[in-house]
N, C-alpha and C. Protein backbone atom coordinates (compact mmCIF):
# COMPACT_ATOMS: atom_id res chain seq x y z
N PRO A 1 49.54 -62.76 -39.18
CA PRO A 1 49.61 -61.55 -40.01
C PRO A 1 50.98 -61.41 -40.67
N PHE A 2 51.10 -60.40 -41.50
CA PHE A 2 52.30 -60.22 -42.31
C PHE A 2 53.56 -59.98 -41.51
N ARG A 3 53.44 -59.67 -40.21
CA ARG A 3 54.65 -59.47 -39.39
C ARG A 3 55.55 -60.70 -39.49
N ASN A 4 54.94 -61.84 -39.68
CA ASN A 4 55.69 -63.09 -39.74
C ASN A 4 56.09 -63.45 -41.17
N TRP A 5 55.88 -62.55 -42.08
CA TRP A 5 56.12 -62.80 -43.49
C TRP A 5 57.59 -62.67 -43.86
N GLY A 6 58.38 -63.49 -43.36
CA GLY A 6 59.76 -63.54 -43.83
C GLY A 6 60.77 -62.84 -42.97
N GLY A 7 60.36 -61.84 -42.21
CA GLY A 7 61.32 -61.14 -41.36
C GLY A 7 62.56 -60.70 -42.12
N GLY A 8 62.39 -60.25 -43.35
CA GLY A 8 63.52 -59.84 -44.16
C GLY A 8 64.03 -60.93 -45.08
N ASP A 9 63.50 -62.13 -44.92
CA ASP A 9 63.90 -63.27 -45.74
C ASP A 9 62.98 -63.35 -46.96
N VAL A 10 63.48 -62.95 -48.11
CA VAL A 10 62.68 -62.91 -49.32
C VAL A 10 62.23 -64.30 -49.75
N ASP A 11 63.08 -65.31 -49.55
CA ASP A 11 62.70 -66.67 -49.93
C ASP A 11 61.53 -67.18 -49.10
N ARG A 12 61.55 -66.87 -47.82
CA ARG A 12 60.44 -67.27 -46.95
C ARG A 12 59.16 -66.55 -47.36
N LEU A 13 59.26 -65.26 -47.67
CA LEU A 13 58.11 -64.50 -48.13
C LEU A 13 57.57 -65.10 -49.43
N ARG A 14 58.45 -65.46 -50.35
CA ARG A 14 58.05 -66.07 -51.61
C ARG A 14 57.27 -67.37 -51.35
N LEU A 15 57.76 -68.19 -50.42
CA LEU A 15 57.07 -69.44 -50.08
C LEU A 15 55.67 -69.16 -49.53
N LEU A 16 55.56 -68.17 -48.66
CA LEU A 16 54.26 -67.83 -48.09
C LEU A 16 53.30 -67.34 -49.17
N LEU A 17 53.80 -66.52 -50.08
CA LEU A 17 52.96 -66.03 -51.17
C LEU A 17 52.57 -67.18 -52.10
N ASP A 18 53.51 -68.08 -52.38
CA ASP A 18 53.22 -69.26 -53.21
C ASP A 18 52.15 -70.14 -52.57
N ALA A 19 52.13 -70.14 -51.24
CA ALA A 19 51.16 -70.96 -50.51
C ALA A 19 49.80 -70.27 -50.39
N GLY A 20 49.68 -69.04 -50.96
CA GLY A 20 48.38 -68.37 -50.98
C GLY A 20 48.23 -67.19 -50.05
N ALA A 21 49.29 -66.76 -49.38
CA ALA A 21 49.19 -65.59 -48.51
C ALA A 21 48.81 -64.37 -49.36
N ASN A 22 47.97 -63.52 -48.80
CA ASN A 22 47.48 -62.33 -49.49
C ASN A 22 48.49 -61.18 -49.34
N PRO A 23 49.06 -60.68 -50.45
CA PRO A 23 50.04 -59.60 -50.34
C PRO A 23 49.43 -58.27 -49.88
N ASN A 24 48.10 -58.19 -49.82
CA ASN A 24 47.42 -56.97 -49.37
C ASN A 24 46.84 -57.09 -47.97
N GLU A 25 47.24 -58.14 -47.25
CA GLU A 25 46.77 -58.30 -45.87
C GLU A 25 47.19 -57.10 -45.03
N THR A 26 46.32 -56.71 -44.10
CA THR A 26 46.68 -55.63 -43.18
C THR A 26 46.62 -56.15 -41.75
N ALA A 27 47.45 -55.55 -40.93
CA ALA A 27 47.46 -55.89 -39.49
C ALA A 27 46.34 -55.13 -38.80
N ASP A 28 46.16 -55.39 -37.53
CA ASP A 28 45.11 -54.72 -36.77
C ASP A 28 45.25 -53.20 -36.77
N ASN A 29 46.47 -52.71 -36.90
CA ASN A 29 46.69 -51.26 -36.90
C ASN A 29 46.51 -50.65 -38.29
N GLY A 30 46.15 -51.46 -39.28
CA GLY A 30 45.90 -50.95 -40.62
C GLY A 30 47.11 -50.96 -41.52
N ARG A 31 48.28 -51.27 -40.99
CA ARG A 31 49.49 -51.28 -41.82
C ARG A 31 49.50 -52.52 -42.70
N SER A 32 49.86 -52.31 -43.96
CA SER A 32 49.89 -53.41 -44.92
C SER A 32 51.27 -54.03 -44.99
N ALA A 33 51.34 -55.21 -45.63
CA ALA A 33 52.63 -55.86 -45.84
C ALA A 33 53.53 -54.97 -46.69
N VAL A 34 52.95 -54.32 -47.70
CA VAL A 34 53.72 -53.38 -48.54
C VAL A 34 54.23 -52.23 -47.67
N GLY A 35 53.37 -51.71 -46.81
CA GLY A 35 53.77 -50.62 -45.92
C GLY A 35 54.88 -51.02 -44.98
N GLU A 36 54.82 -52.26 -44.50
CA GLU A 36 55.87 -52.75 -43.60
C GLU A 36 57.21 -52.84 -44.33
N ALA A 37 57.19 -53.37 -45.56
CA ALA A 37 58.43 -53.44 -46.36
C ALA A 37 58.99 -52.04 -46.61
N CYS A 38 58.10 -51.09 -46.86
CA CYS A 38 58.53 -49.70 -47.06
C CYS A 38 59.11 -49.12 -45.77
N SER A 39 58.45 -49.40 -44.64
CA SER A 39 58.89 -48.85 -43.35
C SER A 39 60.30 -49.26 -42.97
N VAL A 40 60.66 -50.50 -43.31
CA VAL A 40 61.99 -50.99 -42.97
C VAL A 40 62.98 -50.81 -44.12
N GLY A 41 62.51 -50.20 -45.21
CA GLY A 41 63.39 -49.92 -46.35
C GLY A 41 63.91 -51.18 -47.02
N ASP A 42 63.02 -52.16 -47.24
CA ASP A 42 63.42 -53.44 -47.83
C ASP A 42 62.92 -53.54 -49.27
N PRO A 43 63.72 -53.09 -50.23
CA PRO A 43 63.27 -53.10 -51.62
C PRO A 43 63.05 -54.49 -52.20
N LYS A 44 63.75 -55.50 -51.71
CA LYS A 44 63.56 -56.86 -52.23
C LYS A 44 62.19 -57.39 -51.86
N ARG A 45 61.82 -57.24 -50.58
CA ARG A 45 60.48 -57.68 -50.16
C ARG A 45 59.41 -56.85 -50.84
N LEU A 46 59.64 -55.54 -50.94
CA LEU A 46 58.66 -54.65 -51.57
C LEU A 46 58.44 -55.05 -53.03
N ALA A 47 59.51 -55.28 -53.76
CA ALA A 47 59.40 -55.66 -55.17
C ALA A 47 58.63 -56.96 -55.33
N LEU A 48 58.89 -57.94 -54.45
CA LEU A 48 58.18 -59.21 -54.52
C LEU A 48 56.69 -59.03 -54.23
N LEU A 49 56.38 -58.25 -53.21
CA LEU A 49 54.97 -58.01 -52.88
C LEU A 49 54.25 -57.31 -54.03
N ILE A 50 54.88 -56.33 -54.63
CA ILE A 50 54.28 -55.63 -55.77
C ILE A 50 54.09 -56.60 -56.94
N GLU A 51 55.12 -57.39 -57.20
CA GLU A 51 55.05 -58.38 -58.28
C GLU A 51 53.87 -59.34 -58.09
N ARG A 52 53.57 -59.65 -56.83
CA ARG A 52 52.50 -60.60 -56.52
C ARG A 52 51.16 -59.91 -56.27
N GLY A 53 51.05 -58.62 -56.62
CA GLY A 53 49.77 -57.93 -56.52
C GLY A 53 49.60 -57.02 -55.33
N GLY A 54 50.65 -56.82 -54.55
CA GLY A 54 50.57 -55.92 -53.40
C GLY A 54 50.34 -54.49 -53.87
N SER A 55 49.46 -53.78 -53.19
CA SER A 55 49.10 -52.42 -53.58
C SER A 55 49.94 -51.38 -52.84
N VAL A 56 50.35 -50.35 -53.56
CA VAL A 56 51.09 -49.24 -52.95
C VAL A 56 50.15 -48.13 -52.49
N GLN A 57 48.85 -48.35 -52.65
CA GLN A 57 47.87 -47.38 -52.18
C GLN A 57 47.77 -47.44 -50.66
N PRO A 58 47.44 -46.32 -50.02
CA PRO A 58 47.27 -46.35 -48.56
C PRO A 58 46.17 -47.32 -48.16
N SER A 59 46.36 -47.95 -47.04
CA SER A 59 45.34 -48.86 -46.51
C SER A 59 44.06 -48.08 -46.25
N MET A 60 42.95 -48.64 -46.65
CA MET A 60 41.65 -47.98 -46.43
C MET A 60 41.33 -47.87 -44.94
N ARG A 61 41.97 -48.69 -44.13
CA ARG A 61 41.72 -48.67 -42.69
C ARG A 61 42.52 -47.60 -41.97
N ASP A 62 43.45 -47.00 -42.65
CA ASP A 62 44.34 -46.02 -42.02
C ASP A 62 44.23 -44.70 -42.77
N THR A 63 43.60 -43.72 -42.15
CA THR A 63 43.39 -42.43 -42.81
C THR A 63 44.50 -41.42 -42.50
N MET A 64 45.42 -41.77 -41.65
CA MET A 64 46.52 -40.85 -41.34
C MET A 64 47.70 -41.15 -42.26
N ALA A 65 48.65 -40.24 -42.29
CA ALA A 65 49.79 -40.35 -43.19
C ALA A 65 50.67 -41.57 -42.89
N ILE A 66 50.58 -42.10 -41.67
CA ILE A 66 51.45 -43.23 -41.31
C ILE A 66 51.17 -44.45 -42.18
N GLY A 67 49.98 -44.54 -42.78
CA GLY A 67 49.63 -45.69 -43.59
C GLY A 67 49.90 -45.53 -45.07
N VAL A 68 50.65 -44.53 -45.47
CA VAL A 68 50.95 -44.29 -46.88
C VAL A 68 52.31 -44.91 -47.20
N PRO A 69 52.34 -45.97 -48.01
CA PRO A 69 53.62 -46.62 -48.31
C PRO A 69 54.70 -45.66 -48.83
N LEU A 70 54.33 -44.67 -49.65
CA LEU A 70 55.34 -43.73 -50.13
C LEU A 70 55.96 -42.96 -48.96
N PHE A 71 55.16 -42.55 -48.00
CA PHE A 71 55.67 -41.83 -46.84
C PHE A 71 56.56 -42.74 -46.00
N GLN A 72 56.14 -44.00 -45.87
CA GLN A 72 56.92 -44.96 -45.09
C GLN A 72 58.27 -45.21 -45.76
N ALA A 73 58.27 -45.34 -47.09
CA ALA A 73 59.52 -45.53 -47.82
C ALA A 73 60.42 -44.31 -47.67
N ALA A 74 59.84 -43.12 -47.75
CA ALA A 74 60.62 -41.89 -47.62
C ALA A 74 61.25 -41.78 -46.23
N SER A 75 60.49 -42.12 -45.20
CA SER A 75 61.03 -41.99 -43.84
C SER A 75 62.05 -43.08 -43.53
N SER A 76 62.02 -44.19 -44.28
CA SER A 76 63.02 -45.25 -44.06
C SER A 76 64.38 -44.86 -44.64
N GLY A 77 64.37 -43.89 -45.54
CA GLY A 77 65.62 -43.48 -46.18
C GLY A 77 65.98 -44.32 -47.39
N SER A 78 65.07 -45.20 -47.83
CA SER A 78 65.35 -46.07 -48.97
C SER A 78 64.85 -45.44 -50.26
N ALA A 79 65.78 -44.84 -51.01
CA ALA A 79 65.42 -44.25 -52.30
C ALA A 79 64.92 -45.33 -53.26
N GLU A 80 65.45 -46.55 -53.12
CA GLU A 80 65.02 -47.64 -53.99
C GLU A 80 63.56 -47.99 -53.73
N CYS A 81 63.14 -48.02 -52.47
CA CYS A 81 61.73 -48.26 -52.16
C CYS A 81 60.85 -47.12 -52.67
N VAL A 82 61.32 -45.90 -52.53
CA VAL A 82 60.56 -44.75 -53.05
C VAL A 82 60.38 -44.90 -54.56
N ARG A 83 61.44 -45.26 -55.26
CA ARG A 83 61.35 -45.45 -56.72
C ARG A 83 60.35 -46.56 -57.08
N LEU A 84 60.37 -47.65 -56.33
CA LEU A 84 59.44 -48.77 -56.60
C LEU A 84 57.99 -48.33 -56.44
N VAL A 85 57.70 -47.57 -55.40
CA VAL A 85 56.32 -47.09 -55.18
C VAL A 85 55.92 -46.12 -56.29
N LEU A 86 56.81 -45.20 -56.63
CA LEU A 86 56.51 -44.24 -57.69
C LEU A 86 56.33 -44.94 -59.04
N ALA A 87 57.08 -46.00 -59.28
CA ALA A 87 56.99 -46.74 -60.54
C ALA A 87 55.61 -47.39 -60.72
N GLN A 88 54.87 -47.55 -59.62
CA GLN A 88 53.52 -48.11 -59.70
C GLN A 88 52.48 -47.03 -60.00
N GLY A 89 52.95 -45.81 -60.25
CA GLY A 89 52.04 -44.72 -60.60
C GLY A 89 51.53 -43.92 -59.41
N PHE A 90 52.06 -44.21 -58.23
CA PHE A 90 51.63 -43.43 -57.06
C PHE A 90 52.20 -42.03 -57.18
N PRO A 91 51.38 -40.99 -56.98
CA PRO A 91 51.85 -39.61 -57.18
C PRO A 91 52.85 -39.16 -56.11
N ALA A 92 53.94 -38.58 -56.58
CA ALA A 92 55.00 -38.09 -55.68
C ALA A 92 54.49 -36.98 -54.78
N ASP A 93 53.46 -36.27 -55.22
CA ASP A 93 52.94 -35.12 -54.48
C ASP A 93 51.67 -35.45 -53.69
N HIS A 94 51.42 -36.73 -53.44
CA HIS A 94 50.24 -37.15 -52.68
C HIS A 94 50.27 -36.49 -51.30
N GLU A 95 49.12 -35.95 -50.89
CA GLU A 95 49.02 -35.33 -49.57
C GLU A 95 48.01 -36.11 -48.73
N GLN A 96 48.41 -36.42 -47.52
CA GLN A 96 47.51 -37.10 -46.58
C GLN A 96 47.93 -36.72 -45.17
N GLY A 97 46.96 -36.51 -44.34
CA GLY A 97 47.25 -36.14 -42.96
C GLY A 97 47.97 -34.81 -42.86
N GLY A 98 47.79 -33.95 -43.86
CA GLY A 98 48.39 -32.61 -43.84
C GLY A 98 49.85 -32.56 -44.24
N LYS A 99 50.35 -33.61 -44.91
CA LYS A 99 51.74 -33.57 -45.33
C LYS A 99 51.95 -34.41 -46.58
N THR A 100 53.15 -34.30 -47.14
CA THR A 100 53.55 -35.11 -48.29
C THR A 100 54.77 -35.94 -47.88
N ALA A 101 55.22 -36.80 -48.78
CA ALA A 101 56.39 -37.63 -48.49
C ALA A 101 57.64 -36.78 -48.26
N LEU A 102 57.69 -35.59 -48.85
CA LEU A 102 58.85 -34.71 -48.61
C LEU A 102 58.98 -34.33 -47.14
N HIS A 103 57.86 -34.26 -46.43
CA HIS A 103 57.91 -33.96 -45.00
C HIS A 103 58.64 -35.05 -44.21
N ASP A 104 58.65 -36.27 -44.76
CA ASP A 104 59.24 -37.42 -44.07
C ASP A 104 60.57 -37.86 -44.66
N ALA A 105 61.04 -37.17 -45.69
CA ALA A 105 62.24 -37.62 -46.42
C ALA A 105 63.45 -37.74 -45.50
N ALA A 106 64.03 -38.93 -45.49
CA ALA A 106 65.25 -39.20 -44.72
C ALA A 106 66.38 -39.41 -45.73
N GLY A 107 67.24 -38.44 -45.85
CA GLY A 107 68.36 -38.54 -46.78
C GLY A 107 68.13 -37.73 -48.04
N GLU A 108 69.21 -37.15 -48.53
CA GLU A 108 69.09 -36.27 -49.69
C GLU A 108 68.70 -37.02 -50.96
N GLU A 109 69.11 -38.29 -51.10
CA GLU A 109 68.73 -39.04 -52.30
C GLU A 109 67.21 -39.23 -52.36
N VAL A 110 66.60 -39.54 -51.23
CA VAL A 110 65.14 -39.70 -51.17
C VAL A 110 64.47 -38.39 -51.55
N ALA A 111 64.93 -37.28 -50.98
CA ALA A 111 64.34 -35.97 -51.31
C ALA A 111 64.50 -35.67 -52.79
N GLN A 112 65.66 -35.96 -53.35
CA GLN A 112 65.90 -35.67 -54.76
C GLN A 112 65.01 -36.53 -55.66
N VAL A 113 64.84 -37.80 -55.33
CA VAL A 113 63.95 -38.69 -56.11
C VAL A 113 62.53 -38.14 -56.10
N LEU A 114 62.06 -37.72 -54.93
CA LEU A 114 60.70 -37.19 -54.82
C LEU A 114 60.54 -35.90 -55.63
N LEU A 115 61.51 -35.00 -55.51
CA LEU A 115 61.46 -33.75 -56.26
C LEU A 115 61.49 -34.01 -57.76
N ASP A 116 62.36 -34.89 -58.19
CA ASP A 116 62.47 -35.22 -59.62
C ASP A 116 61.17 -35.84 -60.15
N ALA A 117 60.41 -36.49 -59.27
CA ALA A 117 59.16 -37.13 -59.66
C ALA A 117 57.97 -36.17 -59.58
N GLY A 118 58.22 -34.93 -59.14
CA GLY A 118 57.15 -33.93 -59.14
C GLY A 118 56.62 -33.51 -57.79
N ALA A 119 57.24 -33.95 -56.72
CA ALA A 119 56.80 -33.51 -55.39
C ALA A 119 57.07 -32.01 -55.24
N ILE A 120 56.14 -31.32 -54.63
CA ILE A 120 56.26 -29.87 -54.44
C ILE A 120 56.42 -29.57 -52.95
N PRO A 121 57.52 -28.91 -52.57
CA PRO A 121 57.69 -28.58 -51.15
C PRO A 121 56.73 -27.47 -50.73
N ARG A 122 55.70 -27.83 -49.98
CA ARG A 122 54.71 -26.84 -49.53
C ARG A 122 54.36 -27.11 -48.08
N SER A 123 53.78 -26.11 -47.46
CA SER A 123 53.40 -26.23 -46.05
C SER A 123 52.27 -27.23 -45.89
N GLY A 124 52.34 -27.96 -44.79
CA GLY A 124 51.30 -28.93 -44.47
C GLY A 124 50.21 -28.30 -43.63
N ALA A 125 49.37 -29.13 -43.06
CA ALA A 125 48.20 -28.70 -42.32
C ALA A 125 48.53 -27.81 -41.12
N PHE A 126 49.69 -28.00 -40.53
CA PHE A 126 50.04 -27.23 -39.34
C PHE A 126 51.03 -26.12 -39.64
N GLY A 127 51.20 -25.80 -40.92
CA GLY A 127 52.06 -24.71 -41.31
C GLY A 127 53.53 -25.06 -41.46
N PHE A 128 53.90 -26.32 -41.22
CA PHE A 128 55.29 -26.73 -41.37
C PHE A 128 55.53 -27.20 -42.79
N ASP A 129 56.61 -26.73 -43.38
CA ASP A 129 56.96 -27.20 -44.71
C ASP A 129 58.06 -28.27 -44.57
N PRO A 130 58.40 -28.94 -45.66
CA PRO A 130 59.42 -29.99 -45.57
C PRO A 130 60.78 -29.50 -45.06
N ILE A 131 61.10 -28.24 -45.30
CA ILE A 131 62.36 -27.69 -44.79
C ILE A 131 62.30 -27.62 -43.26
N ASP A 132 61.17 -27.17 -42.73
CA ASP A 132 60.99 -27.14 -41.27
C ASP A 132 61.15 -28.54 -40.69
N GLU A 133 60.52 -29.52 -41.34
CA GLU A 133 60.59 -30.90 -40.86
C GLU A 133 62.03 -31.43 -40.92
N ALA A 134 62.74 -31.09 -42.01
CA ALA A 134 64.13 -31.54 -42.14
C ALA A 134 64.98 -30.98 -41.00
N PHE A 135 64.81 -29.70 -40.69
CA PHE A 135 65.56 -29.11 -39.58
C PHE A 135 65.16 -29.75 -38.26
N GLU A 136 63.87 -29.98 -38.07
CA GLU A 136 63.36 -30.56 -36.83
C GLU A 136 63.97 -31.94 -36.57
N HIS A 137 64.22 -32.69 -37.64
CA HIS A 137 64.72 -34.06 -37.49
C HIS A 137 66.22 -34.19 -37.77
N GLY A 138 66.90 -33.04 -37.88
CA GLY A 138 68.34 -33.07 -38.09
C GLY A 138 68.75 -33.56 -39.48
N GLU A 139 67.85 -33.51 -40.43
CA GLU A 139 68.12 -33.94 -41.81
C GLU A 139 68.56 -32.72 -42.63
N TYR A 140 69.74 -32.18 -42.27
CA TYR A 140 70.21 -30.94 -42.89
C TYR A 140 70.55 -31.12 -44.36
N SER A 141 70.95 -32.32 -44.77
CA SER A 141 71.24 -32.56 -46.18
C SER A 141 69.94 -32.50 -46.99
N VAL A 142 68.84 -32.96 -46.40
CA VAL A 142 67.53 -32.85 -47.06
C VAL A 142 67.14 -31.38 -47.17
N ALA A 143 67.35 -30.62 -46.09
CA ALA A 143 67.03 -29.18 -46.13
C ALA A 143 67.80 -28.48 -47.25
N LEU A 144 69.06 -28.85 -47.43
CA LEU A 144 69.85 -28.22 -48.50
C LEU A 144 69.30 -28.55 -49.89
N VAL A 145 68.91 -29.80 -50.09
CA VAL A 145 68.31 -30.19 -51.38
C VAL A 145 67.05 -29.35 -51.63
N LEU A 146 66.23 -29.20 -50.61
CA LEU A 146 64.99 -28.44 -50.76
C LEU A 146 65.26 -26.95 -50.94
N LEU A 147 66.23 -26.42 -50.22
CA LEU A 147 66.57 -25.00 -50.35
C LEU A 147 67.06 -24.66 -51.75
N ARG A 148 67.76 -25.58 -52.38
CA ARG A 148 68.27 -25.34 -53.74
C ARG A 148 67.15 -25.15 -54.75
N ARG A 149 65.95 -25.63 -54.43
CA ARG A 149 64.80 -25.51 -55.34
C ARG A 149 64.13 -24.14 -55.25
N LEU A 150 64.48 -23.37 -54.24
CA LEU A 150 63.85 -22.06 -54.04
C LEU A 150 64.57 -20.98 -54.85
N THR A 151 63.86 -19.90 -55.12
CA THR A 151 64.52 -18.75 -55.72
C THR A 151 65.47 -18.16 -54.69
N GLN A 152 66.38 -17.32 -55.14
CA GLN A 152 67.35 -16.71 -54.21
C GLN A 152 66.63 -15.94 -53.10
N ALA A 153 65.59 -15.19 -53.46
CA ALA A 153 64.86 -14.39 -52.46
C ALA A 153 64.14 -15.31 -51.47
N GLU A 154 63.49 -16.37 -51.97
CA GLU A 154 62.80 -17.32 -51.08
C GLU A 154 63.80 -18.03 -50.18
N ARG A 155 64.93 -18.41 -50.75
CA ARG A 155 65.97 -19.09 -49.97
C ARG A 155 66.45 -18.20 -48.84
N GLN A 156 66.70 -16.92 -49.14
CA GLN A 156 67.19 -16.00 -48.12
C GLN A 156 66.16 -15.80 -47.01
N ARG A 157 64.89 -15.62 -47.38
CA ARG A 157 63.82 -15.48 -46.36
C ARG A 157 63.74 -16.72 -45.48
N THR A 158 63.81 -17.88 -46.12
CA THR A 158 63.71 -19.14 -45.37
C THR A 158 64.90 -19.30 -44.42
N LEU A 159 66.09 -19.01 -44.92
CA LEU A 159 67.28 -19.15 -44.08
C LEU A 159 67.26 -18.14 -42.93
N ASP A 160 66.81 -16.92 -43.19
CA ASP A 160 66.70 -15.93 -42.12
C ASP A 160 65.73 -16.42 -41.04
N ARG A 161 64.59 -16.94 -41.47
CA ARG A 161 63.58 -17.46 -40.54
C ARG A 161 64.14 -18.65 -39.75
N LYS A 162 64.83 -19.56 -40.44
CA LYS A 162 65.39 -20.73 -39.75
C LYS A 162 66.50 -20.32 -38.78
N LEU A 163 67.28 -19.32 -39.15
CA LEU A 163 68.35 -18.85 -38.26
C LEU A 163 67.76 -18.35 -36.94
N VAL A 164 66.69 -17.56 -37.02
CA VAL A 164 66.04 -17.05 -35.82
C VAL A 164 65.45 -18.21 -35.00
N THR A 165 64.73 -19.11 -35.67
CA THR A 165 64.09 -20.24 -34.99
C THR A 165 65.11 -21.14 -34.32
N GLU A 166 66.13 -21.54 -35.07
CA GLU A 166 67.11 -22.48 -34.54
C GLU A 166 68.01 -21.82 -33.49
N SER A 167 68.27 -20.53 -33.62
CA SER A 167 69.05 -19.83 -32.59
C SER A 167 68.28 -19.79 -31.28
N SER A 168 66.96 -19.53 -31.37
CA SER A 168 66.16 -19.48 -30.15
C SER A 168 66.06 -20.85 -29.49
N ARG A 169 66.21 -21.90 -30.27
CA ARG A 169 66.21 -23.26 -29.73
C ARG A 169 67.60 -23.68 -29.26
N ARG A 170 68.57 -22.83 -29.50
CA ARG A 170 69.97 -23.10 -29.17
C ARG A 170 70.48 -24.34 -29.91
N ASN A 171 70.04 -24.47 -31.14
CA ASN A 171 70.44 -25.59 -31.99
C ASN A 171 71.68 -25.18 -32.76
N VAL A 172 72.84 -25.36 -32.14
CA VAL A 172 74.12 -24.91 -32.70
C VAL A 172 74.40 -25.60 -34.03
N GLU A 173 74.12 -26.90 -34.14
CA GLU A 173 74.39 -27.63 -35.36
C GLU A 173 73.60 -27.06 -36.55
N ALA A 174 72.34 -26.72 -36.31
CA ALA A 174 71.52 -26.18 -37.40
C ALA A 174 71.96 -24.77 -37.78
N VAL A 175 72.37 -23.98 -36.80
CA VAL A 175 72.79 -22.61 -37.06
C VAL A 175 74.05 -22.58 -37.93
N ARG A 176 74.93 -23.57 -37.76
CA ARG A 176 76.14 -23.62 -38.58
C ARG A 176 75.76 -23.77 -40.01
């Protein structure tokens, strides 16, 4: 399976693809080679897979958000991988498994790329919005990018709510 597809070595991956390896192969867990490149934030492997016909669409075998290459790229913190997926026409605001890529954004550049491409920060299936997720994962720079998109009144309500929540959790870093 694709786990052995280069291990980060683009030349080895190129040789395997030249020898007829399928860039859309999926592993037993439904993760695709494109998804794996996104998960590890490897834009060189991702670009090669896309160039050779790899799809940025979620694997049909995986109905949860973990199988969405855009989400995987966002959680890896690779803005370059996010841009590559979006450049293939994948919607920035795609929702699957009750969330969007903004829920998984690691790093403010990733969040900004998604927002600039049209992602909308909204609550997911369990009522958590991307700001909640950013606080939960200690991605305070992402929370700030998202907060800047709110109106002053919305920002104040959100910050008041987060202050109460994070204070009750004794999360001193978030309260600061």
